[in-house]
Each structure stands twice: as structure tokens, then as C-alpha cells.
Amino acid sequence: MGLGLITAGIGLVKSVIEGKAKKVQANADAETRQADNRAKIRVERVKNASKVLRFYSYFMFSAPIWVTVLFPDHGARIWVNLEAVPDWYKMTFLSMNGALWALAETHNLYQKIRG
């Protein structure tokens, strides 16, 4: 009877330890999944913000052309007014848009390479 009781006690302790180990592993797995989900959400936010900014910059750059095609009189006035914009301002505007597109495309390329 004593040996059976000891064996049963050891089995019970072993079961409790295994149960706790499984619980700890399950918690660690859940935390890992949550961290992965948060990282994916952050990446999606950055991608979406980049899309909006790229759309806006493309629209600002192409709007005078579309207006000129659809409404030639208004388009002609746009081009005359654009000539009045200082060169440094135009270069700054083009540089900012170029950087915006380059950074977004570099990020997309990095994500594709990274897998």
C-alpha cells in the first residue's frame, strides 16, 4: 500500500507540473500571436497612410493636366499661374513628392524581399 500511494502521489505531482507547463506554453503562444498581430496592424497602418499620401501627391501633380484636357480655358489659367510660383517652391514640392514616392516604393520592395 505504501508503494502504491507513493507512485500515485508522484503521478499526481507529475500531472500537475505537466498541466502548468502546458498552461505556461499556451500563454507564451498567445502573447506571441498578439505581438505578431500588433506588428501586422502597424505595418498596415503605415501602408495605408502611404497610399493616401501617394494618391494625394499624384492627384496634385496630375490635376492641372486633367483640367487642361477637360476645360482648356481654366487649364490655360492654371499654367499661367504655375509660372508665377517661385522655382525654389516648385523644386521643394517636387522633391517632397519624389521622396514620398521613393520611400513608399523602397518600403514595399523591402517587404517583398523580407518575405
N, C-alpha and C. Protein backbone atom coordinates (compact mmCIF):
# COMPACT_ATOMS: atom_id res chain seq x y z
N MET A 1 0.81 -1.19 0.00
CA MET A 1 0.00 0.00 0.00
C MET A 1 0.86 1.26 0.00
N GLY A 2 1.95 1.27 0.70
CA GLY A 2 2.81 2.43 0.78
C GLY A 2 3.44 2.77 -0.57
N LEU A 3 3.86 1.73 -1.30
CA LEU A 3 4.49 1.94 -2.59
C LEU A 3 3.47 2.47 -3.61
N GLY A 4 2.28 1.95 -3.57
CA GLY A 4 1.21 2.40 -4.47
C GLY A 4 0.84 3.86 -4.19
N LEU A 5 0.82 4.20 -2.90
CA LEU A 5 0.49 5.57 -2.51
C LEU A 5 1.56 6.55 -2.98
N ILE A 6 2.83 6.14 -2.87
CA ILE A 6 3.93 6.98 -3.32
C ILE A 6 3.87 7.14 -4.85
N THR A 7 3.62 6.05 -5.55
CA THR A 7 3.53 6.09 -7.01
C THR A 7 2.37 6.99 -7.45
N ALA A 8 1.24 6.86 -6.76
CA ALA A 8 0.09 7.70 -7.09
C ALA A 8 0.42 9.17 -6.82
N GLY A 9 1.11 9.43 -5.72
CA GLY A 9 1.49 10.80 -5.38
C GLY A 9 2.44 11.39 -6.41
N ILE A 10 3.41 10.58 -6.83
CA ILE A 10 4.36 11.04 -7.85
C ILE A 10 3.63 11.31 -9.17
N GLY A 11 2.70 10.43 -9.53
CA GLY A 11 1.92 10.62 -10.75
C GLY A 11 1.10 11.89 -10.69
N LEU A 12 0.51 12.17 -9.52
CA LEU A 12 -0.30 13.38 -9.35
C LEU A 12 0.57 14.63 -9.47
N VAL A 13 1.73 14.62 -8.83
CA VAL A 13 2.64 15.76 -8.91
C VAL A 13 3.10 15.96 -10.35
N LYS A 14 3.42 14.86 -11.03
CA LYS A 14 3.85 14.93 -12.42
C LYS A 14 2.75 15.51 -13.30
N SER A 15 1.50 15.12 -13.08
CA SER A 15 0.37 15.65 -13.86
C SER A 15 0.19 17.14 -13.62
N VAL A 16 0.32 17.57 -12.38
CA VAL A 16 0.18 18.98 -12.05
C VAL A 16 1.28 19.79 -12.73
N ILE A 17 2.51 19.31 -12.68
CA ILE A 17 3.63 20.02 -13.30
C ILE A 17 3.44 20.09 -14.82
N GLU A 18 3.02 18.98 -15.44
CA GLU A 18 2.79 18.98 -16.89
C GLU A 18 1.66 19.94 -17.27
N GLY A 19 0.62 19.97 -16.45
CA GLY A 19 -0.50 20.87 -16.71
C GLY A 19 -0.07 22.34 -16.64
N LYS A 20 0.75 22.64 -15.65
CA LYS A 20 1.25 24.01 -15.52
C LYS A 20 2.17 24.37 -16.69
N ALA A 21 3.00 23.43 -17.11
CA ALA A 21 3.89 23.68 -18.25
C ALA A 21 3.08 23.95 -19.52
N LYS A 22 2.00 23.18 -19.73
CA LYS A 22 1.15 23.40 -20.89
C LYS A 22 0.48 24.77 -20.82
N LYS A 23 0.06 25.15 -19.62
CA LYS A 23 -0.59 26.45 -19.45
C LYS A 23 0.40 27.58 -19.74
N VAL A 24 1.62 27.46 -19.26
CA VAL A 24 2.65 28.47 -19.50
C VAL A 24 2.95 28.55 -21.00
N GLN A 25 3.06 27.40 -21.66
CA GLN A 25 3.33 27.37 -23.10
C GLN A 25 2.18 28.01 -23.88
N ALA A 26 0.94 27.72 -23.47
CA ALA A 26 -0.22 28.30 -24.14
C ALA A 26 -0.24 29.82 -23.98
N ASN A 27 0.10 30.31 -22.79
CA ASN A 27 0.17 31.76 -22.57
C ASN A 27 1.26 32.40 -23.42
N ALA A 28 2.41 31.74 -23.51
CA ALA A 28 3.50 32.28 -24.32
C ALA A 28 3.10 32.31 -25.80
N ASP A 29 2.43 31.26 -26.25
CA ASP A 29 1.96 31.24 -27.65
C ASP A 29 0.94 32.35 -27.91
N ALA A 30 0.05 32.57 -26.97
CA ALA A 30 -0.96 33.63 -27.13
C ALA A 30 -0.30 35.00 -27.17
N GLU A 31 0.68 35.23 -26.32
CA GLU A 31 1.40 36.51 -26.32
C GLU A 31 2.14 36.72 -27.64
N THR A 32 2.73 35.66 -28.17
CA THR A 32 3.43 35.74 -29.45
C THR A 32 2.46 36.09 -30.57
N ARG A 33 1.30 35.46 -30.59
CA ARG A 33 0.30 35.75 -31.61
C ARG A 33 -0.18 37.20 -31.50
N GLN A 34 -0.39 37.68 -30.28
CA GLN A 34 -0.82 39.07 -30.09
C GLN A 34 0.25 40.04 -30.59
N ALA A 35 1.50 39.76 -30.28
CA ALA A 35 2.59 40.63 -30.75
C ALA A 35 2.66 40.63 -32.27
N ASP A 36 2.51 39.47 -32.88
CA ASP A 36 2.51 39.39 -34.35
C ASP A 36 1.35 40.18 -34.94
N ASN A 37 0.18 40.05 -34.34
CA ASN A 37 -0.99 40.79 -34.83
C ASN A 37 -0.80 42.30 -34.70
N ARG A 38 -0.22 42.74 -33.58
CA ARG A 38 0.04 44.18 -33.41
C ARG A 38 1.04 44.67 -34.46
N ALA A 39 2.06 43.88 -34.74
CA ALA A 39 3.05 44.28 -35.75
C ALA A 39 2.40 44.35 -37.13
N LYS A 40 1.54 43.41 -37.45
CA LYS A 40 0.85 43.43 -38.75
C LYS A 40 -0.05 44.65 -38.86
N ILE A 41 -0.74 45.00 -37.78
CA ILE A 41 -1.61 46.17 -37.79
C ILE A 41 -0.79 47.44 -38.02
N ARG A 42 0.37 47.54 -37.35
CA ARG A 42 1.22 48.71 -37.54
C ARG A 42 1.69 48.82 -38.99
N VAL A 43 2.09 47.70 -39.58
CA VAL A 43 2.55 47.71 -40.97
C VAL A 43 1.41 48.13 -41.89
N GLU A 44 0.20 47.63 -41.66
CA GLU A 44 -0.94 48.01 -42.49
C GLU A 44 -1.26 49.50 -42.37
N ARG A 45 -1.14 50.04 -41.15
CA ARG A 45 -1.37 51.47 -40.96
C ARG A 45 -0.39 52.29 -41.78
N VAL A 46 0.86 51.90 -41.74
CA VAL A 46 1.89 52.61 -42.50
C VAL A 46 1.61 52.51 -44.00
N LYS A 47 1.24 51.31 -44.46
CA LYS A 47 0.94 51.13 -45.88
C LYS A 47 -0.25 51.99 -46.29
N ASN A 48 -1.29 52.00 -45.48
CA ASN A 48 -2.48 52.78 -45.82
C ASN A 48 -2.19 54.28 -45.82
N ALA A 49 -1.42 54.74 -44.84
CA ALA A 49 -1.06 56.16 -44.81
C ALA A 49 -0.25 56.52 -46.05
N SER A 50 0.63 55.64 -46.43
CA SER A 50 1.44 55.87 -47.61
C SER A 50 0.57 55.93 -48.86
N LYS A 51 -0.43 55.08 -48.94
CA LYS A 51 -1.31 55.07 -50.11
C LYS A 51 -2.08 56.39 -50.23
N VAL A 52 -2.57 56.88 -49.12
CA VAL A 52 -3.32 58.14 -49.14
C VAL A 52 -2.41 59.29 -49.57
N LEU A 53 -1.22 59.34 -49.00
CA LEU A 53 -0.28 60.41 -49.36
C LEU A 53 0.14 60.31 -50.82
N ARG A 54 0.36 59.09 -51.29
CA ARG A 54 0.75 58.94 -52.70
C ARG A 54 -0.41 59.33 -53.62
N PHE A 55 -1.62 58.94 -53.27
CA PHE A 55 -2.77 59.33 -54.09
C PHE A 55 -2.90 60.85 -54.13
N TYR A 56 -2.78 61.48 -52.96
CA TYR A 56 -2.89 62.94 -52.89
C TYR A 56 -1.81 63.61 -53.73
N SER A 57 -0.57 63.13 -53.60
CA SER A 57 0.51 63.77 -54.35
C SER A 57 0.33 63.53 -55.85
N TYR A 58 -0.12 62.36 -56.23
CA TYR A 58 -0.37 62.10 -57.66
C TYR A 58 -1.49 63.00 -58.18
N PHE A 59 -2.53 63.14 -57.38
CA PHE A 59 -3.65 64.00 -57.77
C PHE A 59 -3.18 65.45 -57.94
N MET A 60 -2.40 65.94 -56.98
CA MET A 60 -1.91 67.32 -57.06
C MET A 60 -1.02 67.53 -58.28
N PHE A 61 -0.26 66.52 -58.63
CA PHE A 61 0.65 66.64 -59.77
C PHE A 61 -0.10 66.52 -61.10
N SER A 62 -1.11 65.67 -61.15
CA SER A 62 -1.79 65.43 -62.43
C SER A 62 -3.04 66.30 -62.63
N ALA A 63 -3.54 66.94 -61.60
CA ALA A 63 -4.76 67.75 -61.71
C ALA A 63 -4.67 68.83 -62.78
N PRO A 64 -3.57 69.59 -62.87
CA PRO A 64 -3.51 70.62 -63.91
C PRO A 64 -3.63 70.04 -65.33
N ILE A 65 -3.08 68.86 -65.53
CA ILE A 65 -3.16 68.24 -66.85
C ILE A 65 -4.60 67.87 -67.17
N TRP A 66 -5.28 67.24 -66.20
CA TRP A 66 -6.68 66.85 -66.42
C TRP A 66 -7.59 68.07 -66.65
N VAL A 67 -7.35 69.11 -65.88
CA VAL A 67 -8.16 70.32 -66.05
C VAL A 67 -7.91 70.92 -67.43
N THR A 68 -6.65 70.91 -67.87
CA THR A 68 -6.33 71.45 -69.18
C THR A 68 -7.02 70.65 -70.29
N VAL A 69 -7.05 69.33 -70.13
CA VAL A 69 -7.69 68.48 -71.14
C VAL A 69 -9.20 68.69 -71.15
N LEU A 70 -9.80 68.72 -69.99
CA LEU A 70 -11.26 68.80 -69.91
C LEU A 70 -11.80 70.22 -70.08
N PHE A 71 -11.07 71.19 -69.53
CA PHE A 71 -11.51 72.59 -69.58
C PHE A 71 -10.32 73.46 -70.01
N PRO A 72 -10.08 73.56 -71.31
CA PRO A 72 -8.86 74.24 -71.80
C PRO A 72 -8.69 75.67 -71.30
N ASP A 73 -9.78 76.44 -71.17
CA ASP A 73 -9.64 77.82 -70.70
C ASP A 73 -9.12 77.87 -69.27
N HIS A 74 -9.71 77.04 -68.40
CA HIS A 74 -9.26 77.01 -67.00
C HIS A 74 -7.84 76.45 -66.91
N GLY A 75 -7.57 75.46 -67.75
CA GLY A 75 -6.22 74.87 -67.76
C GLY A 75 -5.16 75.88 -68.15
N ALA A 76 -5.49 76.71 -69.12
CA ALA A 76 -4.52 77.73 -69.54
C ALA A 76 -4.21 78.68 -68.39
N ARG A 77 -5.25 79.03 -67.63
CA ARG A 77 -5.02 79.91 -66.47
C ARG A 77 -4.17 79.22 -65.40
N ILE A 78 -4.38 77.92 -65.22
CA ILE A 78 -3.56 77.18 -64.24
C ILE A 78 -2.09 77.25 -64.62
N TRP A 79 -1.77 77.02 -65.90
CA TRP A 79 -0.38 77.03 -66.32
C TRP A 79 0.25 78.41 -66.19
N VAL A 80 -0.53 79.43 -66.49
CA VAL A 80 -0.02 80.80 -66.31
C VAL A 80 0.26 81.04 -64.82
N ASN A 81 -0.65 80.62 -63.97
CA ASN A 81 -0.46 80.81 -62.53
C ASN A 81 0.71 79.98 -62.00
N LEU A 82 0.91 78.79 -62.55
CA LEU A 82 2.04 77.97 -62.11
C LEU A 82 3.37 78.62 -62.48
N GLU A 83 3.39 79.35 -63.56
CA GLU A 83 4.62 80.07 -63.94
C GLU A 83 4.97 81.13 -62.90
N ALA A 84 3.98 81.63 -62.19
CA ALA A 84 4.22 82.67 -61.19
C ALA A 84 4.78 82.09 -59.88
N VAL A 85 4.71 80.77 -59.71
CA VAL A 85 5.23 80.13 -58.49
C VAL A 85 6.75 80.16 -58.54
N PRO A 86 7.40 80.57 -57.45
CA PRO A 86 8.87 80.62 -57.45
C PRO A 86 9.49 79.23 -57.70
N ASP A 87 10.63 79.24 -58.36
CA ASP A 87 11.29 77.98 -58.70
C ASP A 87 11.67 77.17 -57.47
N TRP A 88 12.12 77.84 -56.40
CA TRP A 88 12.51 77.11 -55.19
C TRP A 88 11.31 76.37 -54.60
N TYR A 89 10.13 76.97 -54.71
CA TYR A 89 8.94 76.32 -54.16
C TYR A 89 8.56 75.10 -55.00
N LYS A 90 8.64 75.24 -56.34
CA LYS A 90 8.34 74.11 -57.21
C LYS A 90 9.32 72.97 -56.97
N MET A 91 10.60 73.30 -56.82
CA MET A 91 11.60 72.26 -56.58
C MET A 91 11.38 71.57 -55.24
N THR A 92 11.02 72.33 -54.23
CA THR A 92 10.72 71.75 -52.92
C THR A 92 9.52 70.82 -53.01
N PHE A 93 8.49 71.27 -53.69
CA PHE A 93 7.29 70.46 -53.87
C PHE A 93 7.61 69.16 -54.60
N LEU A 94 8.36 69.25 -55.69
CA LEU A 94 8.72 68.05 -56.45
C LEU A 94 9.64 67.14 -55.64
N SER A 95 10.55 67.71 -54.87
CA SER A 95 11.45 66.91 -54.04
C SER A 95 10.68 66.15 -52.97
N MET A 96 9.74 66.84 -52.33
CA MET A 96 8.94 66.18 -51.29
C MET A 96 8.12 65.04 -51.89
N ASN A 97 7.50 65.28 -53.02
CA ASN A 97 6.72 64.22 -53.65
C ASN A 97 7.60 63.07 -54.12
N GLY A 98 8.75 63.40 -54.66
CA GLY A 98 9.68 62.35 -55.08
C GLY A 98 10.14 61.51 -53.91
N ALA A 99 10.45 62.16 -52.80
CA ALA A 99 10.87 61.43 -51.61
C ALA A 99 9.73 60.56 -51.08
N LEU A 100 8.53 61.08 -51.10
CA LEU A 100 7.37 60.33 -50.63
C LEU A 100 7.19 59.06 -51.44
N TRP A 101 7.25 59.18 -52.74
CA TRP A 101 7.08 58.01 -53.61
C TRP A 101 8.27 57.07 -53.45
N ALA A 102 9.48 57.60 -53.40
CA ALA A 102 10.66 56.75 -53.29
C ALA A 102 10.66 55.97 -51.99
N LEU A 103 10.33 56.63 -50.89
CA LEU A 103 10.29 55.93 -49.60
C LEU A 103 9.22 54.85 -49.58
N ALA A 104 8.06 55.17 -50.11
CA ALA A 104 6.98 54.18 -50.13
C ALA A 104 7.36 52.98 -50.98
N GLU A 105 7.93 53.22 -52.14
CA GLU A 105 8.31 52.10 -53.01
C GLU A 105 9.47 51.31 -52.42
N THR A 106 10.41 51.99 -51.77
CA THR A 106 11.51 51.30 -51.11
C THR A 106 10.98 50.41 -50.00
N HIS A 107 10.02 50.91 -49.24
CA HIS A 107 9.41 50.11 -48.17
C HIS A 107 8.70 48.89 -48.76
N ASN A 108 7.96 49.08 -49.85
CA ASN A 108 7.27 47.95 -50.48
C ASN A 108 8.26 46.92 -50.98
N LEU A 109 9.35 47.36 -51.58
CA LEU A 109 10.37 46.45 -52.07
C LEU A 109 11.01 45.69 -50.91
N TYR A 110 11.29 46.39 -49.82
CA TYR A 110 11.87 45.76 -48.63
C TYR A 110 10.95 44.67 -48.09
N GLN A 111 9.64 44.96 -48.05
CA GLN A 111 8.69 43.97 -47.55
C GLN A 111 8.65 42.73 -48.45
N LYS A 112 8.75 42.93 -49.77
CA LYS A 112 8.75 41.80 -50.69
C LYS A 112 10.01 40.95 -50.52
N ILE A 113 11.15 41.60 -50.36
CA ILE A 113 12.40 40.87 -50.20
C ILE A 113 12.42 40.14 -48.86
N ARG A 114 11.96 40.82 -47.83
CA ARG A 114 11.95 40.25 -46.48
C ARG A 114 11.04 39.05 -46.39
N GLY A 115 9.96 39.09 -47.16
CA GLY A 115 9.05 37.95 -47.20
C GLY A 115 8.05 38.04 -46.20
